[in-house]
N, C-alpha and C. Protein backbone atom coordinates (compact mmCIF):
# COMPACT_ATOMS: atom_id res chain seq x y z
N MET A 1 60.52 85.61 133.53
CA MET A 1 59.49 85.58 134.53
C MET A 1 60.07 85.97 135.88
N ARG A 2 61.28 85.53 136.14
CA ARG A 2 61.93 85.90 137.41
C ARG A 2 62.13 87.40 137.51
N ALA A 3 62.52 88.00 136.40
CA ALA A 3 62.73 89.44 136.39
C ALA A 3 61.42 90.18 136.66
N ALA A 4 60.33 89.67 136.09
CA ALA A 4 59.02 90.29 136.31
C ALA A 4 58.62 90.16 137.78
N LYS A 5 58.85 88.99 138.37
CA LYS A 5 58.53 88.80 139.79
C LYS A 5 59.36 89.74 140.65
N ALA A 6 60.64 89.88 140.31
CA ALA A 6 61.52 90.77 141.07
C ALA A 6 61.06 92.22 140.95
N ARG A 7 60.69 92.64 139.74
CA ARG A 7 60.23 94.01 139.52
C ARG A 7 58.95 94.29 140.31
N ALA A 8 58.03 93.32 140.30
CA ALA A 8 56.78 93.48 141.05
C ALA A 8 57.07 93.59 142.54
N ALA A 9 57.98 92.78 143.03
CA ALA A 9 58.33 92.82 144.45
C ALA A 9 58.97 94.15 144.81
N GLU A 10 59.82 94.68 143.95
CA GLU A 10 60.45 95.98 144.19
C GLU A 10 59.41 97.09 144.32
N ARG A 11 58.36 96.99 143.53
CA ARG A 11 57.32 98.02 143.53
C ARG A 11 56.24 97.76 144.59
N GLY A 12 56.32 96.62 145.25
CA GLY A 12 55.33 96.30 146.27
C GLY A 12 53.97 95.94 145.68
N GLU A 13 53.97 95.34 144.49
CA GLU A 13 52.72 94.95 143.85
C GLU A 13 52.78 93.48 143.47
N SER A 14 51.63 92.92 143.15
CA SER A 14 51.60 91.52 142.76
C SER A 14 52.06 91.38 141.30
N LEU A 15 52.45 90.18 140.96
CA LEU A 15 52.86 89.91 139.58
C LEU A 15 51.68 90.15 138.64
N LYS A 16 50.49 89.78 139.09
CA LYS A 16 49.28 90.00 138.28
C LYS A 16 49.09 91.48 137.99
N ASP A 17 49.25 92.34 139.00
CA ASP A 17 49.11 93.78 138.79
C ASP A 17 50.16 94.31 137.82
N LEU A 18 51.38 93.81 137.95
CA LEU A 18 52.46 94.24 137.05
C LEU A 18 52.13 93.86 135.61
N VAL A 19 51.67 92.63 135.40
CA VAL A 19 51.34 92.17 134.04
C VAL A 19 50.16 92.96 133.50
N ASN A 20 49.14 93.18 134.33
CA ASN A 20 47.98 93.96 133.87
C ASN A 20 48.39 95.37 133.46
N ARG A 21 49.25 95.98 134.25
CA ARG A 21 49.71 97.33 133.94
C ARG A 21 50.53 97.35 132.65
N ALA A 22 51.37 96.34 132.47
CA ALA A 22 52.20 96.28 131.26
C ALA A 22 51.34 96.08 130.01
N VAL A 23 50.34 95.22 130.10
CA VAL A 23 49.46 94.99 128.95
C VAL A 23 48.64 96.25 128.67
N ALA A 24 48.13 96.89 129.73
CA ALA A 24 47.36 98.11 129.54
C ALA A 24 48.21 99.18 128.87
N HIS A 25 49.48 99.27 129.27
CA HIS A 25 50.39 100.24 128.66
C HIS A 25 50.59 99.92 127.18
N GLU A 26 50.73 98.65 126.87
CA GLU A 26 50.99 98.24 125.50
C GLU A 26 49.80 98.54 124.58
N VAL A 27 48.59 98.35 125.07
CA VAL A 27 47.42 98.58 124.22
C VAL A 27 46.84 99.98 124.39
N GLY A 28 47.46 100.79 125.23
CA GLY A 28 47.05 102.18 125.36
C GLY A 28 45.88 102.43 126.29
N LEU A 29 45.63 101.53 127.24
CA LEU A 29 44.56 101.73 128.21
C LEU A 29 45.13 102.35 129.48
N PRO A 30 44.28 102.96 130.31
CA PRO A 30 44.78 103.46 131.59
C PRO A 30 45.28 102.29 132.45
N ALA A 31 46.31 102.53 133.22
CA ALA A 31 46.93 101.47 134.00
C ALA A 31 46.04 100.95 135.11
N THR A 32 45.24 101.81 135.71
CA THR A 32 44.35 101.38 136.78
C THR A 32 42.93 101.73 136.41
N PRO A 33 41.99 100.83 136.70
CA PRO A 33 40.59 101.17 136.44
C PRO A 33 40.15 102.38 137.26
N GLU A 34 39.21 103.13 136.74
CA GLU A 34 38.71 104.31 137.44
C GLU A 34 38.17 103.91 138.80
N GLY A 35 38.56 104.62 139.83
CA GLY A 35 38.08 104.32 141.17
C GLY A 35 39.03 103.45 141.98
N LYS A 36 39.94 102.74 141.33
CA LYS A 36 40.87 101.88 142.06
C LYS A 36 42.19 102.62 142.19
N ARG A 37 42.51 103.03 143.39
CA ARG A 37 43.71 103.83 143.63
C ARG A 37 44.51 103.23 144.77
N GLY A 38 45.47 102.41 144.48
CA GLY A 38 46.39 101.90 145.49
C GLY A 38 45.76 101.00 146.53
N ARG A 39 46.48 100.77 147.58
CA ARG A 39 46.05 99.87 148.63
C ARG A 39 45.33 100.61 149.74
N VAL A 40 44.49 99.89 150.45
CA VAL A 40 43.78 100.45 151.59
C VAL A 40 44.41 99.91 152.86
N THR A 41 44.22 100.63 153.94
CA THR A 41 44.71 100.18 155.24
C THR A 41 43.57 99.48 155.96
N LEU A 42 43.82 98.25 156.37
CA LEU A 42 42.81 97.48 157.08
C LEU A 42 43.04 97.57 158.57
N PRO A 43 42.08 97.49 159.42
CA PRO A 43 40.66 97.36 159.11
C PRO A 43 40.08 98.69 158.66
N LEU A 44 39.06 98.62 157.81
CA LEU A 44 38.43 99.83 157.32
C LEU A 44 37.59 100.50 158.39
N ILE A 45 37.04 99.68 159.28
CA ILE A 45 36.22 100.21 160.37
C ILE A 45 36.95 99.89 161.67
N ALA A 46 37.18 100.91 162.47
CA ALA A 46 37.90 100.73 163.72
C ALA A 46 37.10 99.87 164.69
N ARG A 47 37.80 99.17 165.57
CA ARG A 47 37.12 98.29 166.53
C ARG A 47 36.20 99.06 167.46
N ASP A 48 36.55 100.27 167.79
CA ASP A 48 35.74 101.04 168.73
C ASP A 48 34.62 101.83 168.05
N ALA A 49 34.45 101.63 166.73
CA ALA A 49 33.40 102.35 166.01
C ALA A 49 32.03 101.83 166.44
N ARG A 50 31.14 102.74 166.70
CA ARG A 50 29.77 102.40 167.10
C ARG A 50 28.87 102.53 165.87
N PRO A 51 27.84 101.67 165.78
CA PRO A 51 26.93 101.82 164.64
C PRO A 51 26.18 103.14 164.72
N ALA A 52 25.97 103.76 163.58
CA ALA A 52 25.27 105.05 163.54
C ALA A 52 23.80 104.88 163.88
N VAL A 53 23.24 103.72 163.57
CA VAL A 53 21.84 103.44 163.84
C VAL A 53 21.78 102.12 164.60
N LEU A 54 21.05 102.11 165.70
CA LEU A 54 20.90 100.89 166.48
C LEU A 54 19.59 100.23 166.06
N VAL A 55 19.68 99.07 165.42
CA VAL A 55 18.52 98.34 164.95
C VAL A 55 18.40 97.07 165.78
N THR A 56 17.26 96.89 166.39
CA THR A 56 17.03 95.70 167.21
C THR A 56 16.26 94.67 166.41
N ASN A 57 16.20 93.45 166.93
CA ASN A 57 15.42 92.40 166.29
C ASN A 57 13.95 92.80 166.21
N GLU A 58 13.47 93.49 167.23
CA GLU A 58 12.08 93.95 167.24
C GLU A 58 11.83 94.95 166.10
N ASP A 59 12.79 95.83 165.84
CA ASP A 59 12.66 96.78 164.73
C ASP A 59 12.57 96.04 163.39
N ILE A 60 13.37 95.02 163.23
CA ILE A 60 13.37 94.24 161.99
C ILE A 60 12.04 93.52 161.83
N ALA A 61 11.55 92.90 162.91
CA ALA A 61 10.26 92.20 162.86
C ALA A 61 9.14 93.17 162.52
N ASP A 62 9.17 94.36 163.09
CA ASP A 62 8.15 95.37 162.79
C ASP A 62 8.19 95.78 161.32
N ALA A 63 9.38 95.91 160.78
CA ALA A 63 9.52 96.28 159.37
C ALA A 63 8.96 95.18 158.46
N PHE A 64 9.24 93.92 158.80
CA PHE A 64 8.70 92.81 158.02
C PHE A 64 7.17 92.78 158.12
N ASP A 65 6.64 93.00 159.31
CA ASP A 65 5.19 93.02 159.48
C ASP A 65 4.55 94.12 158.65
N ALA A 66 5.14 95.30 158.68
CA ALA A 66 4.62 96.43 157.91
C ALA A 66 4.67 96.13 156.41
N GLU A 67 5.73 95.49 155.97
CA GLU A 67 5.85 95.13 154.56
C GLU A 67 4.78 94.11 154.17
N ASP A 68 4.54 93.12 155.04
CA ASP A 68 3.51 92.11 154.77
C ASP A 68 2.12 92.76 154.69
N ILE A 69 1.83 93.66 155.61
CA ILE A 69 0.54 94.34 155.61
C ILE A 69 0.37 95.15 154.33
N GLU A 70 1.42 95.84 153.93
CA GLU A 70 1.37 96.65 152.71
C GLU A 70 1.17 95.78 151.48
N ARG A 71 1.87 94.67 151.43
CA ARG A 71 1.79 93.77 150.27
C ARG A 71 0.40 93.15 150.16
N HIS A 72 -0.18 92.69 151.28
CA HIS A 72 -1.47 92.01 151.24
C HIS A 72 -2.62 93.00 151.10
N ALA A 73 -2.43 94.23 151.50
CA ALA A 73 -3.47 95.24 151.35
C ALA A 73 -3.63 95.62 149.88
N ALA A 74 -2.57 95.49 149.12
CA ALA A 74 -2.59 95.87 147.71
C ALA A 74 -3.28 94.81 146.85
N GLN A 75 -3.47 93.62 147.39
CA GLN A 75 -4.07 92.53 146.59
C GLN A 75 -5.53 92.58 146.57
């Protein structure tokens, strides 16, 4: 177990990832699930990022009102 922990640390991965990869190799599965490729750099959204759409509380209330009108008109 110590050797496995050391190997995982050398590769910069968790022991869980090392064991999952080893078992996947043994049973002939791909080592990483499709879509999962390495580590990401955090934060994913920069602090100075502005929202693409500015939604106010009034916009949300209007949307709820429109939904209520639509729902009750159908009855």
